[in-house]
Protein backbone atom coordinates (compact mmCIF):
# COMPACT_ATOMS: atom_id res chain seq x y z
CA MET A 1 124.48 143.97 58.46
CA SER A 2 122.44 146.93 57.81
CA SER A 3 122.72 147.44 54.22
CA ARG A 4 123.60 145.64 50.98
CA LYS A 5 127.08 145.86 49.46
CA VAL A 6 126.27 145.36 45.96
CA ARG A 7 129.14 144.17 43.78
CA GLN A 8 129.31 143.65 40.81
CA PHE A 9 130.10 139.87 39.21
CA GLU A 10 130.78 138.63 35.35
CA CYS A 11 129.00 135.94 35.82
CA THR A 12 129.78 132.65 33.54
CA GLN A 13 126.36 130.98 33.82
CA VAL A 14 124.18 133.51 32.76
CA ASN A 15 127.74 135.20 30.42
CA GLU A 16 126.68 139.12 31.71
CA VAL A 17 127.71 140.69 34.95
CA VAL A 18 125.29 140.57 37.52
CA GLN A 19 124.54 141.70 40.89
CA ILE A 20 125.74 139.88 43.59
CA PHE A 21 125.31 140.65 47.87
CA LEU A 22 124.97 138.49 51.32
CA GLN A 23 121.92 137.53 52.23
CA LYS A 24 120.43 135.81 54.95
CA LYS A 25 118.54 132.51 53.97
CA GLN A 26 116.30 132.25 57.50
CA GLY A 27 115.63 136.21 57.37
CA TRP A 28 117.03 138.15 59.35
CA ALA A 29 116.86 135.81 62.89
CA ILE A 30 120.46 135.27 64.78
CA GLY A 31 121.82 131.91 63.78
CA SER A 32 120.45 132.24 60.09
CA GLU A 33 122.72 130.78 57.50
CA LEU A 34 124.04 133.41 54.63
CA THR A 35 124.44 133.00 51.09
CA VAL A 36 125.52 135.31 47.98
CA LYS A 37 122.14 136.10 46.21
CA CYS A 38 122.64 137.52 42.56
CA ASN A 39 119.76 139.90 41.06
CA GLN A 40 119.73 137.26 38.09
CA THR A 41 116.33 135.41 39.32
CA GLU A 42 115.53 133.27 35.90
CA CYS A 43 118.88 131.69 36.44
CA GLN A 44 118.28 127.81 37.32
CA TYR A 45 121.17 127.99 40.31
CA VAL A 46 119.49 131.38 41.77
CA ASP A 47 120.10 130.68 45.67
CA LYS A 48 122.18 127.32 45.19
CA ASN A 49 125.72 128.43 46.04
CA GLU A 50 127.15 125.31 44.90
CA PRO A 51 128.62 124.07 41.41
CA PRO A 52 128.25 125.10 38.62
CA CYS A 53 126.98 128.24 40.23
CA PRO A 54 130.12 130.52 40.71
CA LEU A 55 129.00 132.23 43.38
CA SER A 56 130.53 131.55 47.40
CA LEU A 57 130.80 133.04 50.51
CA ASP A 58 134.42 133.06 49.93
CA MET A 59 133.54 136.37 47.60
CA PHE A 60 132.53 138.23 50.69
CA ALA A 61 134.92 136.62 53.80
CA ASP A 62 136.29 139.95 54.81
CA GLU A 63 132.74 141.31 55.29
CA ILE A 64 131.33 138.09 57.31
CA ARG A 65 134.49 138.47 59.29
CA GLU A 66 134.25 142.33 60.27
CA GLN A 67 130.73 141.50 61.27
CA ALA A 68 131.65 138.58 63.35
CA GLU A 69 133.61 140.79 65.30
CA GLN A 70 131.38 143.69 65.64
CA ARG A 71 129.36 140.89 67.11
CA ALA A 72 131.80 139.76 69.09
CA GLN A 73 132.57 143.70 70.31
CA GLN A 74 128.77 144.20 71.12
CA ARG A 75 128.55 141.36 73.47
CA LEU A 76 131.83 142.31 75.33
CA LYS A 77 129.99 145.68 75.66
CA GLN A 78 126.92 144.14 77.07
CA GLU A 79 128.78 142.05 79.62
């Protein structure tokens, strides 16, 4: 994921439109866990992605699937 695909999202916790994007929890190391991040650092649920936070990885399912397919294709080319 070389560039973040930022999306607008109406967040019910802060009652405003926020920007959300995928991010690795452990940096960009192979095998790092993904999380959905928003630009509201003051939110008490920041970085949690669990209720009542409305953010989830399902929001980026297509992008995650595309990345997995690209990694699989790269592995095939290397063999």
